[in-house]
PDB file of N, CA and C in Angstrom:
ATOM      1  N   UNK A   1      64.059 125.143 112.867  1.00  0.00           N
ATOM      2  CA  UNK A   1      65.506 125.114 112.951  1.00  0.00           C
ATOM      3  C   UNK A   1      66.121 124.458 111.728  1.00  0.00           C
ATOM      4  N   UNK A   2      67.232 125.171 111.223  1.00  0.00           N
ATOM      5  CA  UNK A   2      67.808 124.699 110.051  1.00  0.00           C
ATOM      6  C   UNK A   2      68.937 123.682 110.439  1.00  0.00           C
ATOM      7  N   UNK A   3      69.204 122.630 109.500  1.00  0.00           N
ATOM      8  CA  UNK A   3      70.161 121.585 109.822  1.00  0.00           C
ATOM      9  C   UNK A   3      71.391 122.065 108.869  1.00  0.00           C
ATOM     10  N   UNK A   4      72.581 122.258 109.257  1.00  0.00           N
ATOM     11  CA  UNK A   4      73.744 122.669 108.640  1.00  0.00           C
ATOM     12  C   UNK A   4      74.730 121.526 108.612  1.00  0.00           C
ATOM     13  N   UNK A   5      75.036 121.051 107.554  1.00  0.00           N
ATOM     14  CA  UNK A   5      76.093 119.873 107.475  1.00  0.00           C
ATOM     15  C   UNK A   5      77.504 120.618 107.422  1.00  0.00           C
ATOM     16  N   UNK A   6      78.419 120.030 108.180  1.00  0.00           N
ATOM     17  CA  UNK A   6      79.708 120.569 108.330  1.00  0.00           C
ATOM     18  C   UNK A   6      80.743 119.669 107.590  1.00  0.00           C
ATOM     19  N   UNK A   7      81.770 120.273 106.857  1.00  0.00           N
ATOM     20  CA  UNK A   7      82.699 119.531 106.014  1.00  0.00           C
ATOM     21  C   UNK A   7      83.529 118.619 107.111  1.00  0.00           C
ATOM     22  N   UNK A   8      83.615 117.318 106.841  1.00  0.00           N
ATOM     23  CA  UNK A   8      84.328 116.460 107.559  1.00  0.00           C
ATOM     24  C   UNK A   8      85.799 116.719 107.768  1.00  0.00           C
ATOM     25  N   UNK A   9      86.528 117.169 106.716  1.00  0.00           N
ATOM     26  CA  UNK A   9      87.844 117.343 106.724  1.00  0.00           C
ATOM     27  C   UNK A   9      88.118 118.562 107.544  1.00  0.00           C
ATOM     28  N   UNK A  10      87.373 119.659 107.406  1.00  0.00           N
ATOM     29  CA  UNK A  10      87.516 120.817 108.151  1.00  0.00           C
ATOM     30  C   UNK A  10      87.240 120.630 109.619  1.00  0.00           C
ATOM     31  N   UNK A  11      86.290 119.816 109.957  1.00  0.00           N
ATOM     32  CA  UNK A  11      85.982 119.503 111.277  1.00  0.00           C
ATOM     33  C   UNK A  11      87.142 118.783 111.976  1.00  0.00           C
ATOM     34  N   UNK A  12      87.802 118.019 111.209  1.00  0.00           N
ATOM     35  CA  UNK A  12      89.022 117.146 111.706  1.00  0.00           C
ATOM     36  C   UNK A  12      90.296 118.199 112.113  1.00  0.00           C
ATOM     37  N   UNK A  13      90.080 119.329 111.494  1.00  0.00           N
ATOM     38  CA  UNK A  13      91.219 120.304 111.681  1.00  0.00           C
ATOM     39  C   UNK A  13      90.457 121.528 112.632  1.00  0.00           C
ATOM     40  N   UNK A  14      89.565 121.156 113.308  1.00  0.00           N
ATOM     41  CA  UNK A  14      88.867 122.158 114.301  1.00  0.00           C
ATOM     42  C   UNK A  14      88.425 123.497 113.639  1.00  0.00           C
ATOM     43  N   UNK A  15      87.990 123.335 112.359  1.00  0.00           N
ATOM     44  CA  UNK A  15      87.365 124.492 111.603  1.00  0.00           C
ATOM     45  C   UNK A  15      85.966 124.133 111.287  1.00  0.00           C
ATOM     46  N   UNK A  16      84.933 124.955 111.261  1.00  0.00           N
ATOM     47  CA  UNK A  16      83.614 124.719 110.872  1.00  0.00           C
ATOM     48  C   UNK A  16      83.326 125.417 109.619  1.00  0.00           C
ATOM     49  N   UNK A  17      83.221 124.623 108.475  1.00  0.00           N
ATOM     50  CA  UNK A  17      82.635 125.120 107.346  1.00  0.00           C
ATOM     51  C   UNK A  17      81.603 124.319 106.790  1.00  0.00           C
ATOM     52  N   UNK A  18      80.541 124.900 106.038  1.00  0.00           N
ATOM     53  CA  UNK A  18      79.386 124.239 105.619  1.00  0.00           C
ATOM     54  C   UNK A  18      79.715 123.404 104.430  1.00  0.00           C
ATOM     55  N   UNK A  19      79.238 122.144 104.413  1.00  0.00           N
ATOM     56  CA  UNK A  19      79.534 121.377 103.317  1.00  0.00           C
ATOM     57  C   UNK A  19      78.563 121.498 102.169  1.00  0.00           C
ATOM     58  N   UNK A  20      79.089 121.419 101.018  1.00  0.00           N
ATOM     59  CA  UNK A  20      78.449 121.659  99.664  1.00  0.00           C
ATOM     60  C   UNK A  20      78.160 120.303  98.984  1.00  0.00           C
ATOM     61  N   UNK A  21      79.076 119.492  99.112  1.00  0.00           N
ATOM     62  CA  UNK A  21      78.941 118.206  98.479  1.00  0.00           C
ATOM     63  C   UNK A  21      79.050 116.931  99.366  1.00  0.00           C
ATOM     64  N   UNK A  22      78.374 115.855  98.979  1.00  0.00           N
ATOM     65  CA  UNK A  22      78.425 114.644  99.682  1.00  0.00           C
ATOM     66  C   UNK A  22      78.868 113.575  98.748  1.00  0.00           C
ATOM     67  N   UNK A  23      79.718 112.777  99.136  1.00  0.00           N
ATOM     68  CA  UNK A  23      80.343 111.747  98.425  1.00  0.00           C
ATOM     69  C   UNK A  23      80.298 110.411  99.269  1.00  0.00           C
ATOM     70  N   UNK A  24      79.517 109.360  98.696  1.00  0.00           N
ATOM     71  CA  UNK A  24      79.318 108.136  99.393  1.00  0.00           C
ATOM     72  C   UNK A  24      79.676 106.939  98.445  1.00  0.00           C
ATOM     73  N   UNK A  25      79.866 105.888  99.262  1.00  0.00           N
ATOM     74  CA  UNK A  25      80.279 104.560  98.564  1.00  0.00           C
ATOM     75  C   UNK A  25      78.944 103.776  98.554  1.00  0.00           C
ATOM     76  N   UNK A  26      78.493 103.380  97.333  1.00  0.00           N
ATOM     77  CA  UNK A  26      77.329 102.634  97.241  1.00  0.00           C
ATOM     78  C   UNK A  26      77.253 101.360  97.912  1.00  0.00           C
ATOM     79  N   UNK A  27      76.299 101.162  98.800  1.00  0.00           N
ATOM     80  CA  UNK A  27      76.443  99.812  99.602  1.00  0.00           C
ATOM     81  C   UNK A  27      76.910  99.845 100.961  1.00  0.00           C
ATOM     82  N   UNK A  28      77.644 100.993 101.266  1.00  0.00           N
ATOM     83  CA  UNK A  28      78.208 101.166 102.532  1.00  0.00           C
ATOM     84  C   UNK A  28      77.937 102.588 103.007  1.00  0.00           C
ATOM     85  N   UNK A  29      76.805 102.648 103.866  1.00  0.00           N
ATOM     86  CA  UNK A  29      76.390 103.860 104.211  1.00  0.00           C
ATOM     87  C   UNK A  29      77.383 104.647 105.178  1.00  0.00           C
ATOM     88  N   UNK A  30      78.217 104.037 105.991  1.00  0.00           N
ATOM     89  CA  UNK A  30      79.071 104.593 106.711  1.00  0.00           C
ATOM     90  C   UNK A  30      80.238 105.218 106.182  1.00  0.00           C
ATOM     91  N   UNK A  31      80.459 104.919 104.936  1.00  0.00           N
ATOM     92  CA  UNK A  31      81.690 105.522 104.200  1.00  0.00           C
ATOM     93  C   UNK A  31      81.136 106.745 103.406  1.00  0.00           C
ATOM     94  N   UNK A  32      80.798 107.743 104.130  1.00  0.00           N
ATOM     95  CA  UNK A  32      80.285 109.010 103.498  1.00  0.00           C
ATOM     96  C   UNK A  32      81.085 110.222 103.923  1.00  0.00           C
ATOM     97  N   UNK A  33      81.406 111.081 102.940  1.00  0.00           N
ATOM     98  CA  UNK A  33      82.010 112.286 103.415  1.00  0.00           C
ATOM     99  C   UNK A  33      81.317 113.530 102.878  1.00  0.00           C
ATOM    100  N   UNK A  34      81.175 114.412 103.820  1.00  0.00           N
ATOM    101  CA  UNK A  34      80.518 115.723 103.545  1.00  0.00           C
ATOM    102  C   UNK A  34      81.690 116.698 103.303  1.00  0.00           C
ATOM    103  N   UNK A  35      81.870 117.383 102.213  1.00  0.00           N
ATOM    104  CA  UNK A  35      82.919 118.227 101.886  1.00  0.00           C
ATOM    105  C   UNK A  35      82.470 119.568 101.427  1.00  0.00           C
ATOM    106  N   UNK A  36      83.353 120.513 101.824  1.00  0.00           N
ATOM    107  CA  UNK A  36      83.178 121.955 101.253  1.00  0.00           C
ATOM    108  C   UNK A  36      83.779 122.126 100.003  1.00  0.00           C
ATOM    109  N   UNK A  37      83.622 123.311  99.472  1.00  0.00           N
ATOM    110  CA  UNK A  37      84.215 123.429  98.050  1.00  0.00           C
ATOM    111  C   UNK A  37      85.632 123.470  97.972  1.00  0.00           C
ATOM    112  N   UNK A  38      86.358 123.653  99.145  1.00  0.00           N
ATOM    113  CA  UNK A  38      87.926 123.601  98.997  1.00  0.00           C
ATOM    114  C   UNK A  38      88.467 122.297  98.955  1.00  0.00           C
ATOM    115  N   UNK A  39      87.741 121.215  99.519  1.00  0.00           N
ATOM    116  CA  UNK A  39      88.187 119.892  99.625  1.00  0.00           C
ATOM    117  C   UNK A  39      87.654 118.865  98.522  1.00  0.00           C
ATOM    118  N   UNK A  40      88.198 118.918  97.384  1.00  0.00           N
ATOM    119  CA  UNK A  40      87.929 118.031  96.265  1.00  0.00           C
ATOM    120  C   UNK A  40      88.924 117.035  95.997  1.00  0.00           C
ATOM    121  N   UNK A  41      90.157 117.222  96.599  1.00  0.00           N
ATOM    122  CA  UNK A  41      91.256 116.319  96.307  1.00  0.00           C
ATOM    123  C   UNK A  41      91.313 115.092  97.255  1.00  0.00           C
ATOM    124  N   UNK A  42      90.237 114.238  97.084  1.00  0.00           N
ATOM    125  CA  UNK A  42      90.318 113.070  97.862  1.00  0.00           C
ATOM    126  C   UNK A  42      90.603 111.916  96.914  1.00  0.00           C
ATOM    127  N   UNK A  43      90.903 110.795  97.445  1.00  0.00           N
ATOM    128  CA  UNK A  43      91.121 109.524  96.686  1.00  0.00           C
ATOM    129  C   UNK A  43      89.774 109.132  95.812  1.00  0.00           C
ATOM    130  N   UNK A  44      89.883 108.575  94.809  1.00  0.00           N
ATOM    131  CA  UNK A  44      88.792 108.109  94.058  1.00  0.00           C
ATOM    132  C   UNK A  44      87.907 106.958  94.775  1.00  0.00           C
ATOM    133  N   UNK A  45      86.429 106.979  94.620  1.00  0.00           N
ATOM    134  CA  UNK A  45      85.794 106.054  95.510  1.00  0.00           C
ATOM    135  C   UNK A  45      86.134 104.651  94.838  1.00  0.00           C
ATOM    136  N   UNK A  46      85.559 103.733  95.613  1.00  0.00           N
ATOM    137  CA  UNK A  46      85.802 102.330  95.267  1.00  0.00           C
ATOM    138  C   UNK A  46      87.292 101.801  95.375  1.00  0.00           C
ATOM    139  N   UNK A  47      88.124 102.510  96.084  1.00  0.00           N
ATOM    140  CA  UNK A  47      89.611 102.189  96.247  1.00  0.00           C
ATOM    141  C   UNK A  47      89.810 101.929  97.685  1.00  0.00           C
ATOM    142  N   UNK A  48      90.941 101.239  97.898  1.00  0.00           N
ATOM    143  CA  UNK A  48      91.386 100.993  99.296  1.00  0.00           C
ATOM    144  C   UNK A  48      91.745 102.288  99.995  1.00  0.00           C
ATOM    145  N   UNK A  49      92.266 103.221  99.197  1.00  0.00           N
ATOM    146  CA  UNK A  49      92.752 104.427  99.777  1.00  0.00           C
ATOM    147  C   UNK A  49      91.580 105.351 100.166  1.00  0.00           C
ATOM    148  N   UNK A  50      90.486 105.242  99.426  1.00  0.00           N
ATOM    149  CA  UNK A  50      89.310 106.043  99.896  1.00  0.00           C
ATOM    150  C   UNK A  50      88.739 105.462 101.281  1.00  0.00           C
ATOM    151  N   UNK A  51      88.663 104.098 101.415  1.00  0.00           N
ATOM    152  CA  UNK A  51      88.160 103.481 102.631  1.00  0.00           C
ATOM    153  C   UNK A  51      89.083 103.948 103.757  1.00  0.00           C
ATOM    154  N   UNK A  52      90.224 103.959 103.563  1.00  0.00           N
ATOM    155  CA  UNK A  52      91.255 104.201 104.580  1.00  0.00           C
ATOM    156  C   UNK A  52      91.173 105.695 105.025  1.00  0.00           C
ATOM    157  N   UNK A  53      90.988 106.571 103.925  1.00  0.00           N
ATOM    158  CA  UNK A  53      90.868 108.002 104.214  1.00  0.00           C
ATOM    159  C   UNK A  53      89.651 108.368 105.089  1.00  0.00           C
ATOM    160  N   UNK A  54      88.537 107.688 104.704  1.00  0.00           N
ATOM    161  CA  UNK A  54      87.311 107.993 105.340  1.00  0.00           C
ATOM    162  C   UNK A  54      87.289 107.459 106.793  1.00  0.00           C
ATOM    163  N   UNK A  55      87.840 106.351 107.041  1.00  0.00           N
ATOM    164  CA  UNK A  55      87.953 105.958 108.422  1.00  0.00           C
ATOM    165  C   UNK A  55      88.876 106.803 109.234  1.00  0.00           C
ATOM    166  N   UNK A  56      89.836 107.254 108.676  1.00  0.00           N
ATOM    167  CA  UNK A  56      90.788 108.130 109.371  1.00  0.00           C
ATOM    168  C   UNK A  56      90.187 109.418 109.690  1.00  0.00           C
ATOM    169  N   UNK A  57      89.437 109.986 108.855  1.00  0.00           N
ATOM    170  CA  UNK A  57      88.957 111.369 108.945  1.00  0.00           C
ATOM    171  C   UNK A  57      87.632 111.218 109.889  1.00  0.00           C
ATOM    172  N   UNK A  58      86.735 110.452 109.643  1.00  0.00           N
ATOM    173  CA  UNK A  58      85.462 110.479 110.295  1.00  0.00           C
ATOM    174  C   UNK A  58      85.494 109.641 111.600  1.00  0.00           C
ATOM    175  N   UNK A  59      86.175 108.538 111.728  1.00  0.00           N
ATOM    176  CA  UNK A  59      86.223 107.703 112.884  1.00  0.00           C
ATOM    177  C   UNK A  59      87.511 107.611 113.706  1.00  0.00           C
ATOM    178  N   UNK A  60      88.488 108.347 113.157  1.00  0.00           N
ATOM    179  CA  UNK A  60      89.778 108.332 113.853  1.00  0.00           C
ATOM    180  C   UNK A  60      90.411 106.859 113.937  1.00  0.00           C
ATOM    181  N   UNK A  61      90.245 106.114 112.950  1.00  0.00           N
ATOM    182  CA  UNK A  61      90.690 104.808 113.038  1.00  0.00           C
ATOM    183  C   UNK A  61      91.728 104.535 111.681  1.00  0.00           C
ATOM    184  N   UNK A  62      92.807 104.128 112.013  1.00  0.00           N
ATOM    185  CA  UNK A  62      93.877 103.915 111.028  1.00  0.00           C
ATOM    186  C   UNK A  62      93.713 102.407 110.535  1.00  0.00           C
ATOM    187  N   UNK A  63      93.221 102.218 109.469  1.00  0.00           N
ATOM    188  CA  UNK A  63      93.027 100.879 108.901  1.00  0.00           C
ATOM    189  C   UNK A  63      94.318 100.442 108.169  1.00  0.00           C
ATOM    190  N   UNK A  64      94.571  99.060 108.150  1.00  0.00           N
ATOM    191  CA  UNK A  64      95.748  98.610 107.412  1.00  0.00           C
ATOM    192  C   UNK A  64      95.152  98.477 105.944  1.00  0.00           C
ATOM    193  N   UNK A  65      96.023  98.230 104.947  1.00  0.00           N
ATOM    194  CA  UNK A  65      95.621  98.066 103.641  1.00  0.00           C
ATOM    195  C   UNK A  65      94.790  96.792 103.542  1.00  0.00           C
ATOM    196  N   UNK A  66      95.149  95.798 104.304  1.00  0.00           N
ATOM    197  CA  UNK A  66      94.586  94.395 104.242  1.00  0.00           C
ATOM    198  C   UNK A  66      93.065  94.554 104.843  1.00  0.00           C
ATOM    199  N   UNK A  67      92.933  95.333 105.882  1.00  0.00           N
ATOM    200  CA  UNK A  67      91.619  95.539 106.356  1.00  0.00           C
ATOM    201  C   UNK A  67      90.720  96.301 105.502  1.00  0.00           C
ATOM    202  N   UNK A  68      91.136  97.248 104.776  1.00  0.00           N
ATOM    203  CA  UNK A  68      90.377  98.031 103.852  1.00  0.00           C
ATOM    204  C   UNK A  68      90.002  97.109 102.728  1.00  0.00           C
ATOM    205  N   UNK A  69      90.869  96.483 102.197  1.00  0.00           N
ATOM    206  CA  UNK A  69      90.634  95.484 101.104  1.00  0.00           C
ATOM    207  C   UNK A  69      89.471  94.476 101.452  1.00  0.00           C
ATOM    208  N   UNK A  70      89.550  94.093 102.609  1.00  0.00           N
ATOM    209  CA  UNK A  70      88.522  93.018 103.055  1.00  0.00           C
ATOM    210  C   UNK A  70      87.186  93.684 103.133  1.00  0.00           C
ATOM    211  N   UNK A  71      87.120  94.982 103.637  1.00  0.00           N
ATOM    212  CA  UNK A  71      85.881  95.618 103.636  1.00  0.00           C
ATOM    213  C   UNK A  71      85.251  96.000 102.275  1.00  0.00           C
ATOM    214  N   UNK A  72      86.033  96.253 101.306  1.00  0.00           N
ATOM    215  CA  UNK A  72      85.573  96.435 100.111  1.00  0.00           C
ATOM    216  C   UNK A  72      85.244  95.233  99.371  1.00  0.00           C
ATOM    217  N   UNK A  73      85.698  94.043  99.623  1.00  0.00           N
ATOM    218  CA  UNK A  73      85.236  92.865  99.106  1.00  0.00           C
ATOM    219  C   UNK A  73      84.105  92.161  99.711  1.00  0.00           C
ATOM    220  N   UNK A  74      83.835  92.636 101.057  1.00  0.00           N
ATOM    221  CA  UNK A  74      82.659  92.147 101.783  1.00  0.00           C
ATOM    222  C   UNK A  74      81.328  92.880 101.407  1.00  0.00           C
ATOM    223  N   UNK A  75      81.390  93.900 100.603  1.00  0.00           N
ATOM    224  CA  UNK A  75      80.244  94.693 100.387  1.00  0.00           C
ATOM    225  C   UNK A  75      79.257  93.903  99.496  1.00  0.00           C
TER     226      UNK A  75
END
């Protein structure tokens, strides 16, 4: 049986597309995004905006700026 990884952003919009790229933040395994070829316009890694974006898309949690900053500092 083949394993197909789905784009996290497309899945958030109830669309299934195969992911071609994986972006992760070193030291934080939970902050990983699987992306299709259409979704390359995401915030740069190691930024507060990236942490907030991943939590919103993958976990449906809206972090405040202060919470995201604490998470980046604690790694």
